[in-house]
N, C-alpha and C. Protein backbone atom coordinates (compact mmCIF):
# COMPACT_ATOMS: atom_id res chain seq x y z
N MET A 1 113.80 163.81 -2.36
CA MET A 1 113.53 165.18 -2.81
C MET A 1 112.24 165.67 -2.16
N GLN A 2 112.28 166.87 -1.53
CA GLN A 2 111.12 167.38 -0.83
C GLN A 2 110.20 168.09 -1.80
N ASP A 3 108.88 168.03 -1.48
CA ASP A 3 107.92 168.77 -2.28
C ASP A 3 108.12 170.26 -2.08
N HIS A 4 107.90 171.02 -3.11
CA HIS A 4 107.97 172.47 -3.00
C HIS A 4 106.73 172.93 -2.25
N PRO A 5 106.85 173.88 -1.30
CA PRO A 5 105.69 174.33 -0.53
C PRO A 5 104.53 174.77 -1.39
N LEU A 6 104.80 175.43 -2.51
CA LEU A 6 103.73 175.95 -3.34
C LEU A 6 102.99 174.85 -4.07
N THR A 7 103.65 173.70 -4.27
CA THR A 7 102.98 172.59 -4.97
C THR A 7 102.36 171.62 -3.98
N SER A 8 102.88 171.56 -2.75
CA SER A 8 102.35 170.59 -1.80
C SER A 8 101.08 171.07 -1.12
N ARG A 9 100.91 172.37 -0.89
CA ARG A 9 99.75 172.88 -0.17
C ARG A 9 98.44 172.58 -0.88
N PRO A 10 98.32 172.79 -2.18
CA PRO A 10 97.05 172.47 -2.84
C PRO A 10 96.67 171.00 -2.73
N VAL A 11 97.68 170.10 -2.74
CA VAL A 11 97.38 168.68 -2.61
C VAL A 11 96.78 168.40 -1.25
N GLU A 12 97.36 168.99 -0.18
CA GLU A 12 96.83 168.80 1.15
C GLU A 12 95.42 169.34 1.26
N GLY A 13 95.18 170.50 0.64
CA GLY A 13 93.85 171.08 0.67
C GLY A 13 92.84 170.21 -0.04
N THR A 14 93.24 169.64 -1.17
CA THR A 14 92.35 168.75 -1.91
C THR A 14 92.00 167.52 -1.09
N THR A 15 93.03 166.98 -0.41
CA THR A 15 92.80 165.81 0.43
C THR A 15 91.83 166.14 1.55
N GLY A 16 92.01 167.29 2.19
CA GLY A 16 91.12 167.70 3.27
C GLY A 16 89.69 167.89 2.80
N LEU A 17 89.53 168.49 1.63
CA LEU A 17 88.20 168.70 1.07
C LEU A 17 87.53 167.37 0.75
N ARG A 18 88.31 166.45 0.19
CA ARG A 18 87.77 165.13 -0.14
C ARG A 18 87.31 164.40 1.12
N GLU A 19 88.11 164.48 2.19
CA GLU A 19 87.74 163.82 3.43
C GLU A 19 86.49 164.43 4.04
N ARG A 20 86.37 165.76 3.96
CA ARG A 20 85.16 166.41 4.49
C ARG A 20 83.94 166.01 3.70
N LYS A 21 84.10 165.90 2.39
CA LYS A 21 82.98 165.48 1.54
C LYS A 21 82.56 164.05 1.89
N LYS A 22 83.54 163.18 2.10
CA LYS A 22 83.23 161.80 2.47
C LYS A 22 82.51 161.75 3.82
N GLN A 23 82.95 162.58 4.76
CA GLN A 23 82.31 162.60 6.07
C GLN A 23 80.86 163.08 5.96
N ARG A 24 80.62 164.11 5.11
CA ARG A 24 79.26 164.60 4.93
C ARG A 24 78.38 163.53 4.28
N THR A 25 78.94 162.79 3.33
CA THR A 25 78.17 161.72 2.69
C THR A 25 77.83 160.63 3.70
N ARG A 26 78.79 160.26 4.52
CA ARG A 26 78.56 159.25 5.55
C ARG A 26 77.46 159.71 6.50
N GLU A 27 77.53 160.95 6.93
CA GLU A 27 76.52 161.48 7.85
C GLU A 27 75.15 161.51 7.19
N ALA A 28 75.11 161.82 5.90
CA ALA A 28 73.83 161.84 5.18
C ALA A 28 73.23 160.45 5.11
N ILE A 29 74.06 159.44 4.90
CA ILE A 29 73.58 158.06 4.86
C ILE A 29 72.99 157.67 6.21
N VAL A 30 73.71 157.97 7.28
CA VAL A 30 73.25 157.61 8.63
C VAL A 30 71.94 158.32 8.95
N GLU A 31 71.89 159.62 8.67
CA GLU A 31 70.68 160.39 8.97
C GLU A 31 69.49 159.86 8.18
N ALA A 32 69.69 159.61 6.89
CA ALA A 32 68.60 159.08 6.06
C ALA A 32 68.15 157.72 6.55
N ALA A 33 69.12 156.87 6.91
CA ALA A 33 68.78 155.52 7.36
C ALA A 33 67.94 155.55 8.62
N PHE A 34 68.34 156.33 9.62
CA PHE A 34 67.60 156.34 10.87
C PHE A 34 66.22 156.96 10.71
N GLU A 35 66.08 157.94 9.83
CA GLU A 35 64.76 158.50 9.56
C GLU A 35 63.84 157.44 8.96
N LEU A 36 64.39 156.65 8.04
CA LEU A 36 63.60 155.58 7.42
C LEU A 36 63.31 154.46 8.40
N PHE A 37 64.31 154.12 9.25
CA PHE A 37 64.09 153.08 10.24
C PHE A 37 62.95 153.47 11.19
N GLU A 38 62.91 154.74 11.57
CA GLU A 38 61.84 155.22 12.45
C GLU A 38 60.49 155.11 11.76
N GLU A 39 60.47 155.41 10.47
CA GLU A 39 59.22 155.43 9.72
C GLU A 39 58.76 154.04 9.30
N ARG A 40 59.69 153.20 8.83
CA ARG A 40 59.32 151.93 8.21
C ARG A 40 59.81 150.70 8.96
N GLY A 41 60.68 150.91 9.96
CA GLY A 41 61.30 149.78 10.62
C GLY A 41 62.53 149.31 9.86
N PHE A 42 63.32 148.45 10.52
CA PHE A 42 64.56 147.98 9.91
C PHE A 42 64.30 147.10 8.70
N ASP A 43 63.44 146.11 8.88
CA ASP A 43 63.17 145.17 7.79
C ASP A 43 62.41 145.82 6.64
N GLY A 44 61.67 146.88 6.94
CA GLY A 44 60.91 147.57 5.90
C GLY A 44 61.70 148.60 5.13
N THR A 45 62.97 148.74 5.45
CA THR A 45 63.84 149.71 4.77
C THR A 45 64.90 148.97 3.97
N THR A 46 65.05 149.31 2.72
CA THR A 46 66.08 148.68 1.89
C THR A 46 67.26 149.61 1.70
N ILE A 47 68.35 149.05 1.23
CA ILE A 47 69.53 149.86 0.94
C ILE A 47 69.22 150.85 -0.18
N ASN A 48 68.43 150.43 -1.14
CA ASN A 48 68.02 151.35 -2.21
C ASN A 48 67.24 152.53 -1.64
N ASP A 49 66.37 152.25 -0.65
CA ASP A 49 65.62 153.33 -0.01
C ASP A 49 66.57 154.34 0.65
N ILE A 50 67.57 153.81 1.36
CA ILE A 50 68.52 154.68 2.05
C ILE A 50 69.32 155.49 1.05
N ALA A 51 69.78 154.85 -0.01
CA ALA A 51 70.56 155.54 -1.03
C ALA A 51 69.75 156.66 -1.67
N GLU A 52 68.50 156.37 -1.97
CA GLU A 52 67.66 157.40 -2.60
C GLU A 52 67.46 158.58 -1.66
N ALA A 53 67.20 158.29 -0.37
CA ALA A 53 66.98 159.37 0.59
C ALA A 53 68.25 160.19 0.82
N ALA A 54 69.41 159.53 0.74
CA ALA A 54 70.69 160.23 0.94
C ALA A 54 71.22 160.85 -0.35
N GLU A 55 70.49 160.64 -1.46
CA GLU A 55 70.86 161.18 -2.77
C GLU A 55 72.22 160.68 -3.23
N ILE A 56 72.39 159.36 -3.11
CA ILE A 56 73.60 158.72 -3.61
C ILE A 56 73.18 157.49 -4.42
N ALA A 57 74.11 156.95 -5.18
CA ALA A 57 73.85 155.69 -5.90
C ALA A 57 73.94 154.54 -4.90
N PRO A 58 73.14 153.48 -5.10
CA PRO A 58 73.21 152.33 -4.18
C PRO A 58 74.62 151.77 -4.03
N ARG A 59 75.38 151.75 -5.12
CA ARG A 59 76.75 151.21 -5.02
C ARG A 59 77.61 152.08 -4.12
N THR A 60 77.30 153.38 -4.03
CA THR A 60 78.07 154.28 -3.16
C THR A 60 77.87 153.90 -1.70
N PHE A 61 76.67 153.42 -1.38
CA PHE A 61 76.39 153.01 0.00
C PHE A 61 77.46 152.03 0.48
N PHE A 62 77.83 151.07 -0.38
CA PHE A 62 78.76 150.03 0.04
C PHE A 62 80.20 150.53 0.13
N SER A 63 80.45 151.74 -0.32
CA SER A 63 81.77 152.35 -0.11
C SER A 63 81.92 152.82 1.33
N TYR A 64 80.78 152.95 2.03
CA TYR A 64 80.79 153.46 3.39
C TYR A 64 80.41 152.41 4.43
N PHE A 65 79.52 151.49 4.07
CA PHE A 65 79.05 150.48 5.01
C PHE A 65 78.95 149.13 4.32
N PRO A 66 79.45 148.07 4.96
CA PRO A 66 79.36 146.74 4.34
C PRO A 66 77.93 146.22 4.24
N SER A 67 77.06 146.65 5.16
CA SER A 67 75.69 146.13 5.18
C SER A 67 74.78 147.14 5.85
N LYS A 68 73.49 146.88 5.76
CA LYS A 68 72.50 147.73 6.43
C LYS A 68 72.67 147.66 7.95
N ASP A 69 73.03 146.48 8.47
CA ASP A 69 73.26 146.34 9.91
C ASP A 69 74.31 147.32 10.42
N ASP A 70 75.36 147.50 9.61
CA ASP A 70 76.47 148.34 10.05
C ASP A 70 76.09 149.81 10.18
N VAL A 71 75.05 150.25 9.45
CA VAL A 71 74.59 151.63 9.61
C VAL A 71 74.02 151.83 11.01
N VAL A 72 73.31 150.84 11.51
CA VAL A 72 72.71 150.94 12.84
C VAL A 72 73.79 151.15 13.90
N PHE A 73 74.95 150.51 13.71
CA PHE A 73 76.05 150.60 14.67
C PHE A 73 77.20 151.44 14.08
N HIS A 74 76.84 152.49 13.40
CA HIS A 74 77.83 153.27 12.64
C HIS A 74 78.93 153.86 13.51
N ASP A 75 78.65 154.09 14.81
CA ASP A 75 79.64 154.72 15.68
C ASP A 75 80.42 153.71 16.51
N PHE A 76 80.30 152.42 16.18
CA PHE A 76 80.95 151.40 17.01
C PHE A 76 82.46 151.59 17.09
N HIS A 77 83.12 151.77 15.96
CA HIS A 77 84.59 151.86 15.97
C HIS A 77 85.06 153.08 16.75
N GLU A 78 84.30 154.16 16.67
CA GLU A 78 84.64 155.35 17.45
C GLU A 78 84.52 155.06 18.95
N ARG A 79 83.44 154.39 19.33
CA ARG A 79 83.24 154.05 20.75
C ARG A 79 84.30 153.04 21.21
N GLN A 80 84.63 152.08 20.37
CA GLN A 80 85.65 151.09 20.72
C GLN A 80 87.00 151.77 20.96
N ALA A 81 87.36 152.70 20.08
CA ALA A 81 88.63 153.42 20.24
C ALA A 81 88.62 154.26 21.51
N MET A 82 87.47 154.83 21.84
CA MET A 82 87.37 155.66 23.04
C MET A 82 87.59 154.80 24.29
N VAL A 83 86.91 153.66 24.37
CA VAL A 83 87.07 152.78 25.54
C VAL A 83 88.50 152.25 25.62
N ALA A 84 89.08 151.91 24.46
CA ALA A 84 90.48 151.44 24.45
C ALA A 84 91.39 152.52 25.01
N GLY A 85 91.11 153.78 24.67
CA GLY A 85 91.91 154.88 25.20
C GLY A 85 91.77 155.02 26.70
N TRP A 86 90.55 154.89 27.21
CA TRP A 86 90.35 154.94 28.66
C TRP A 86 91.21 153.89 29.36
N LEU A 87 91.18 152.68 28.84
CA LEU A 87 91.89 151.57 29.49
C LEU A 87 93.40 151.70 29.32
N ARG A 88 93.83 152.11 28.14
CA ARG A 88 95.26 152.20 27.86
C ARG A 88 95.92 153.33 28.64
N GLU A 89 95.20 154.43 28.82
CA GLU A 89 95.79 155.64 29.41
C GLU A 89 95.41 155.83 30.87
N ARG A 90 94.99 154.75 31.53
CA ARG A 90 94.57 154.89 32.93
C ARG A 90 95.76 155.27 33.81
N GLU A 91 95.42 155.94 34.91
CA GLU A 91 96.45 156.41 35.83
C GLU A 91 97.15 155.24 36.51
N PRO A 92 98.41 155.41 36.89
CA PRO A 92 99.11 154.34 37.61
C PRO A 92 98.33 153.97 38.88
N GLY A 93 98.16 152.68 39.09
CA GLY A 93 97.43 152.22 40.26
C GLY A 93 95.94 152.06 40.04
N ALA A 94 95.42 152.60 38.95
CA ALA A 94 94.00 152.46 38.64
C ALA A 94 93.77 151.14 37.90
N ASN A 95 92.75 150.41 38.31
CA ASN A 95 92.45 149.17 37.61
C ASN A 95 91.51 149.43 36.43
N ALA A 96 91.17 148.38 35.72
CA ALA A 96 90.35 148.54 34.51
C ALA A 96 89.02 149.21 34.82
N PHE A 97 88.42 148.88 35.95
CA PHE A 97 87.09 149.40 36.24
C PHE A 97 87.13 150.82 36.78
N ASP A 98 88.24 151.20 37.41
CA ASP A 98 88.43 152.61 37.75
C ASP A 98 88.47 153.44 36.47
N ALA A 99 89.18 152.92 35.47
CA ALA A 99 89.30 153.64 34.20
C ALA A 99 87.96 153.74 33.49
N LEU A 100 87.19 152.65 33.50
CA LEU A 100 85.87 152.67 32.87
C LEU A 100 84.95 153.67 33.56
N ARG A 101 85.00 153.70 34.89
CA ARG A 101 84.13 154.63 35.60
C ARG A 101 84.48 156.07 35.27
N ALA A 102 85.76 156.38 35.26
CA ALA A 102 86.18 157.75 34.95
C ALA A 102 85.73 158.14 33.55
N GLY A 103 85.87 157.22 32.61
CA GLY A 103 85.46 157.53 31.24
C GLY A 103 83.97 157.72 31.11
N ILE A 104 83.19 156.83 31.74
CA ILE A 104 81.73 156.93 31.66
C ILE A 104 81.25 158.20 32.34
N GLU A 105 81.83 158.53 33.50
CA GLU A 105 81.42 159.74 34.21
C GLU A 105 81.65 160.98 33.35
N GLY A 106 82.76 160.97 32.60
CA GLY A 106 83.05 162.11 31.75
C GLY A 106 82.07 162.27 30.61
N MET A 107 81.38 161.18 30.26
CA MET A 107 80.42 161.23 29.16
C MET A 107 79.00 161.59 29.60
N ILE A 108 78.70 161.42 30.90
CA ILE A 108 77.35 161.66 31.38
C ILE A 108 76.95 163.11 31.08
N GLY A 109 75.83 163.27 30.44
CA GLY A 109 75.32 164.60 30.15
C GLY A 109 75.85 165.21 28.87
N GLU A 110 76.78 164.52 28.17
CA GLU A 110 77.35 165.09 26.96
C GLU A 110 76.51 164.84 25.71
N ALA A 111 75.70 163.79 25.73
CA ALA A 111 74.93 163.44 24.54
C ALA A 111 73.87 164.49 24.26
N ASP A 112 73.76 164.90 22.98
CA ASP A 112 72.73 165.87 22.61
C ASP A 112 71.43 165.13 22.31
N PRO A 113 70.30 165.85 22.22
CA PRO A 113 69.00 165.19 22.01
C PRO A 113 68.97 164.30 20.78
N ALA A 114 69.65 164.70 19.70
CA ALA A 114 69.65 163.88 18.49
C ALA A 114 70.35 162.54 18.73
N MET A 115 71.46 162.57 19.48
CA MET A 115 72.18 161.33 19.79
C MET A 115 71.34 160.42 20.67
N LEU A 116 70.64 161.00 21.65
CA LEU A 116 69.79 160.19 22.52
C LEU A 116 68.64 159.57 21.74
N GLU A 117 68.07 160.33 20.82
CA GLU A 117 66.99 159.79 20.01
C GLU A 117 67.49 158.65 19.12
N GLU A 118 68.69 158.80 18.57
CA GLU A 118 69.28 157.73 17.76
C GLU A 118 69.52 156.49 18.62
N LYS A 119 69.98 156.69 19.84
CA LYS A 119 70.24 155.57 20.75
C LYS A 119 68.94 154.82 21.05
N ARG A 120 67.86 155.56 21.31
CA ARG A 120 66.57 154.92 21.57
C ARG A 120 66.10 154.13 20.37
N CYS A 121 66.27 154.72 19.20
CA CYS A 121 65.88 154.03 17.97
C CYS A 121 66.69 152.76 17.79
N ARG A 122 68.00 152.81 18.04
CA ARG A 122 68.86 151.63 17.91
C ARG A 122 68.40 150.52 18.85
N HIS A 123 68.12 150.88 20.09
CA HIS A 123 67.66 149.88 21.05
C HIS A 123 66.37 149.21 20.59
N ARG A 124 65.46 150.02 20.07
CA ARG A 124 64.19 149.45 19.60
C ARG A 124 64.42 148.53 18.40
N LEU A 125 65.28 148.95 17.49
CA LEU A 125 65.57 148.12 16.32
C LEU A 125 66.20 146.79 16.71
N VAL A 126 67.11 146.83 17.68
CA VAL A 126 67.77 145.60 18.14
C VAL A 126 66.76 144.66 18.77
N ARG A 127 65.81 145.23 19.54
CA ARG A 127 64.79 144.38 20.15
C ARG A 127 63.89 143.72 19.10
N GLU A 128 63.71 144.40 17.98
CA GLU A 128 62.77 143.93 16.97
C GLU A 128 63.41 143.04 15.89
N SER A 129 64.73 143.02 15.82
CA SER A 129 65.40 142.30 14.73
C SER A 129 66.39 141.29 15.28
N GLU A 130 66.23 140.02 14.92
CA GLU A 130 67.16 138.99 15.37
C GLU A 130 68.55 139.21 14.81
N SER A 131 68.63 139.65 13.55
CA SER A 131 69.96 139.86 12.96
C SER A 131 70.70 140.99 13.65
N LEU A 132 69.98 142.06 14.01
CA LEU A 132 70.62 143.16 14.72
C LEU A 132 71.00 142.75 16.14
N ALA A 133 70.18 141.94 16.77
CA ALA A 133 70.51 141.46 18.12
C ALA A 133 71.80 140.64 18.09
N ALA A 134 71.93 139.79 17.07
CA ALA A 134 73.15 138.98 16.92
C ALA A 134 74.35 139.87 16.64
N HIS A 135 74.16 140.87 15.81
CA HIS A 135 75.24 141.80 15.49
C HIS A 135 75.66 142.57 16.75
N SER A 136 74.69 142.97 17.54
CA SER A 136 74.97 143.70 18.77
C SER A 136 75.80 142.85 19.73
N GLU A 137 75.45 141.57 19.86
CA GLU A 137 76.21 140.67 20.73
C GLU A 137 77.63 140.48 20.22
N HIS A 138 77.78 140.40 18.90
CA HIS A 138 79.11 140.26 18.30
C HIS A 138 79.98 141.46 18.65
N LEU A 139 79.42 142.66 18.53
CA LEU A 139 80.18 143.87 18.83
C LEU A 139 80.47 143.98 20.32
N ARG A 140 79.52 143.54 21.14
CA ARG A 140 79.75 143.57 22.58
C ARG A 140 80.92 142.65 22.95
N GLY A 141 81.08 141.57 22.21
CA GLY A 141 82.21 140.69 22.44
C GLY A 141 83.54 141.38 22.18
N LYS A 142 83.55 142.31 21.25
CA LYS A 142 84.79 143.06 20.98
C LYS A 142 85.14 143.98 22.15
N PHE A 143 84.12 144.55 22.80
CA PHE A 143 84.38 145.32 24.01
C PHE A 143 84.91 144.40 25.12
N ALA A 144 84.37 143.19 25.19
CA ALA A 144 84.85 142.24 26.20
C ALA A 144 86.33 141.93 25.98
N ASP A 145 86.74 141.85 24.74
CA ASP A 145 88.16 141.59 24.44
C ASP A 145 89.05 142.72 24.97
N LEU A 146 88.58 143.97 24.80
CA LEU A 146 89.35 145.11 25.32
C LEU A 146 89.49 145.02 26.84
N ILE A 147 88.38 144.71 27.49
CA ILE A 147 88.40 144.63 28.95
C ILE A 147 89.27 143.47 29.41
N ALA A 148 89.23 142.35 28.69
CA ALA A 148 90.05 141.20 29.07
C ALA A 148 91.53 141.57 29.05
N GLU A 149 91.95 142.35 28.06
CA GLU A 149 93.36 142.76 27.99
C GLU A 149 93.74 143.60 29.20
N ALA A 150 92.84 144.54 29.57
CA ALA A 150 93.14 145.40 30.71
C ALA A 150 93.11 144.62 32.02
N VAL A 151 92.13 143.74 32.18
CA VAL A 151 92.03 142.94 33.40
C VAL A 151 93.22 141.98 33.51
N ALA A 152 93.66 141.44 32.39
CA ALA A 152 94.83 140.56 32.40
C ALA A 152 96.04 141.31 32.95
N GLU A 153 96.17 142.57 32.57
CA GLU A 153 97.28 143.38 33.09
C GLU A 153 97.14 143.56 34.60
N ASP A 154 95.90 143.79 35.08
CA ASP A 154 95.68 143.95 36.52
C ASP A 154 96.00 142.67 37.28
N LEU A 155 95.72 141.51 36.67
CA LEU A 155 95.91 140.23 37.35
C LEU A 155 97.28 139.61 37.10
N GLY A 156 98.02 140.15 36.13
CA GLY A 156 99.28 139.53 35.76
C GLY A 156 99.08 138.26 34.96
N ASP A 157 97.96 138.16 34.24
CA ASP A 157 97.66 136.99 33.42
C ASP A 157 97.82 137.35 31.94
N ALA A 158 97.70 136.34 31.09
CA ALA A 158 97.59 136.56 29.65
C ALA A 158 96.13 136.86 29.33
N PRO A 159 95.85 137.69 28.30
CA PRO A 159 94.46 138.06 27.99
C PRO A 159 93.54 136.87 27.70
N ASP A 160 94.10 135.78 27.17
CA ASP A 160 93.25 134.64 26.85
C ASP A 160 93.19 133.60 27.98
N ASP A 161 93.76 133.93 29.15
CA ASP A 161 93.62 133.05 30.31
C ASP A 161 92.17 133.08 30.80
N LEU A 162 91.81 132.09 31.60
CA LEU A 162 90.42 131.95 32.04
C LEU A 162 89.96 133.13 32.89
N ARG A 163 90.78 133.56 33.85
CA ARG A 163 90.31 134.60 34.78
C ARG A 163 89.97 135.91 34.07
N PRO A 164 90.84 136.45 33.23
CA PRO A 164 90.45 137.68 32.52
C PRO A 164 89.21 137.50 31.65
N ARG A 165 89.07 136.33 31.04
CA ARG A 165 87.90 136.11 30.18
C ARG A 165 86.62 136.05 31.00
N LEU A 166 86.67 135.46 32.19
CA LEU A 166 85.50 135.41 33.06
C LEU A 166 85.10 136.81 33.51
N VAL A 167 86.08 137.58 33.95
CA VAL A 167 85.79 138.94 34.43
C VAL A 167 85.28 139.81 33.28
N SER A 168 85.89 139.69 32.11
CA SER A 168 85.48 140.53 30.99
C SER A 168 84.09 140.16 30.50
N ALA A 169 83.72 138.88 30.59
CA ALA A 169 82.37 138.47 30.20
C ALA A 169 81.34 139.11 31.13
N ALA A 170 81.63 139.12 32.43
CA ALA A 170 80.73 139.78 33.38
C ALA A 170 80.70 141.28 33.12
N ALA A 171 81.85 141.86 32.81
CA ALA A 171 81.92 143.30 32.55
C ALA A 171 81.13 143.67 31.29
N ALA A 172 81.25 142.85 30.25
CA ALA A 172 80.52 143.14 29.01
C ALA A 172 79.02 143.09 29.26
N ALA A 173 78.58 142.12 30.07
CA ALA A 173 77.16 142.04 30.40
C ALA A 173 76.72 143.28 31.17
N ALA A 174 77.56 143.71 32.11
CA ALA A 174 77.23 144.91 32.90
C ALA A 174 77.20 146.15 32.01
N MET A 175 78.16 146.26 31.11
CA MET A 175 78.18 147.39 30.19
C MET A 175 76.94 147.39 29.31
N GLY A 176 76.47 146.18 28.97
CA GLY A 176 75.25 146.09 28.18
C GLY A 176 74.06 146.63 28.95
N VAL A 177 74.00 146.32 30.26
CA VAL A 177 72.92 146.85 31.09
C VAL A 177 72.99 148.36 31.14
N ILE A 178 74.20 148.90 31.30
CA ILE A 178 74.37 150.36 31.34
C ILE A 178 73.93 150.98 30.02
N ASP A 179 74.36 150.38 28.93
CA ASP A 179 74.04 150.94 27.62
C ASP A 179 72.55 150.89 27.32
N ASP A 180 71.86 149.89 27.89
CA ASP A 180 70.44 149.71 27.61
C ASP A 180 69.54 150.51 28.55
N MET A 181 70.14 151.18 29.53
CA MET A 181 69.31 151.95 30.47
C MET A 181 68.57 153.05 29.73
N PRO A 182 67.26 153.21 29.94
CA PRO A 182 66.53 154.30 29.29
C PRO A 182 66.95 155.63 29.89
N ASP A 183 67.49 156.51 29.06
CA ASP A 183 68.08 157.76 29.54
C ASP A 183 67.09 158.63 30.30
N ASP A 184 65.84 158.67 29.84
CA ASP A 184 64.90 159.57 30.47
C ASP A 184 64.23 158.96 31.70
N ASP A 185 64.55 157.68 32.01
CA ASP A 185 63.98 157.05 33.19
C ASP A 185 64.97 156.95 34.34
N VAL A 186 66.21 157.30 34.11
CA VAL A 186 67.26 157.15 35.13
C VAL A 186 67.62 158.53 35.67
N ASP A 187 67.26 158.77 36.95
CA ASP A 187 67.51 160.08 37.54
C ASP A 187 68.96 160.23 37.97
N GLN A 188 69.57 159.15 38.41
CA GLN A 188 70.94 159.21 38.92
C GLN A 188 71.76 158.11 38.25
N PRO A 189 72.13 158.29 36.99
CA PRO A 189 72.79 157.20 36.25
C PRO A 189 74.10 156.75 36.86
N MET A 190 74.90 157.67 37.44
CA MET A 190 76.19 157.25 37.99
C MET A 190 76.01 156.34 39.19
N GLU A 191 74.92 156.49 39.95
CA GLU A 191 74.70 155.59 41.08
C GLU A 191 74.46 154.16 40.59
N THR A 192 73.69 154.03 39.52
CA THR A 192 73.44 152.70 38.94
C THR A 192 74.74 152.12 38.39
N ILE A 193 75.50 152.95 37.70
CA ILE A 193 76.78 152.50 37.13
C ILE A 193 77.74 152.09 38.25
N ASP A 194 77.77 152.87 39.33
CA ASP A 194 78.66 152.54 40.45
C ASP A 194 78.28 151.22 41.11
N ASP A 195 76.99 150.93 41.18
CA ASP A 195 76.57 149.64 41.73
C ASP A 195 77.12 148.49 40.89
N LEU A 196 77.02 148.62 39.57
CA LEU A 196 77.53 147.58 38.68
C LEU A 196 79.04 147.47 38.75
N LEU A 197 79.72 148.61 38.76
CA LEU A 197 81.18 148.58 38.80
C LEU A 197 81.70 148.11 40.15
N ALA A 198 80.95 148.37 41.22
CA ALA A 198 81.36 147.86 42.54
C ALA A 198 81.38 146.34 42.53
N PHE A 199 80.38 145.74 41.90
CA PHE A 199 80.34 144.28 41.77
C PHE A 199 81.56 143.78 40.99
N LEU A 200 81.89 144.46 39.90
CA LEU A 200 83.01 144.02 39.07
C LEU A 200 84.34 144.24 39.79
N ARG A 201 84.47 145.37 40.48
CA ARG A 201 85.70 145.62 41.24
C ARG A 201 85.89 144.56 42.32
N GLY A 202 84.77 144.19 42.97
CA GLY A 202 84.87 143.19 44.03
C GLY A 202 85.37 141.86 43.50
N GLY A 203 84.88 141.46 42.33
CA GLY A 203 85.35 140.22 41.74
C GLY A 203 86.82 140.29 41.37
N LEU A 204 87.23 141.42 40.81
CA LEU A 204 88.63 141.59 40.44
C LEU A 204 89.52 141.58 41.68
N ALA A 205 89.09 142.29 42.73
CA ALA A 205 89.88 142.34 43.97
C ALA A 205 90.01 140.95 44.59
N ALA A 206 88.93 140.17 44.54
CA ALA A 206 88.98 138.82 45.10
C ALA A 206 89.98 137.95 44.35
N LEU A 207 90.03 138.09 43.02
CA LEU A 207 90.98 137.31 42.24
C LEU A 207 92.42 137.77 42.51
N GLN A 208 92.60 139.09 42.67
CA GLN A 208 93.94 139.59 42.97
C GLN A 208 94.41 139.09 44.34
N GLU A 209 93.50 139.08 45.32
CA GLU A 209 93.85 138.60 46.66
C GLU A 209 94.15 137.11 46.63
N ARG A 210 93.36 136.37 45.86
CA ARG A 210 93.58 134.94 45.74
C ARG A 210 94.94 134.67 45.12
N GLY A 211 95.30 135.50 44.13
CA GLY A 211 96.60 135.34 43.49
C GLY A 211 97.75 135.60 44.45
N ARG A 212 97.57 136.63 45.31
CA ARG A 212 98.62 136.92 46.30
C ARG A 212 98.72 135.80 47.32
N GLY A 213 97.53 135.18 47.65
CA GLY A 213 97.56 134.09 48.62
C GLY A 213 98.27 132.89 48.06
């Protein structure tokens, strides 16, 4: 039995309003957290501090983030999905690194000043906190898994074979270098990125040629 249009529309509207409210609360938590991190540092900021600044109950914090570490990397899943899309939707004949370059090039210059400031703060926090550094490496490993899947397709291997894992480990390290580049110190970021990707493409091409041999 189908819902009557007059009864179904208010439900959809309520759902949309609830989702927007949740998004605003999430954004308030992130904004409050980074302001406190800038002022007090990561270790000097508690979850109670963040909750108070965001005007929520401490228990509400855990409805949005499992831990304080996760607030620092709040956009990880969005970035992971974006990179997965670049790799999954690459043009026929394009390898994994062609897809990464096209995606990165499309992002150059898109970040607003607030995003760049948050990125700088995150980098500083990671340098200062062992737990955040470990968390960062864990998340970087998830990007390596994405790349391994794409490289395996380029090589005709399984994702957990040695060759894709070797290439993806090098790629994850290179992506880390790119991500850590100071935005205001790099005049020509795509040239630096192309140097790194040229190295990765060369390794991939050598493995493909070896496979044909």
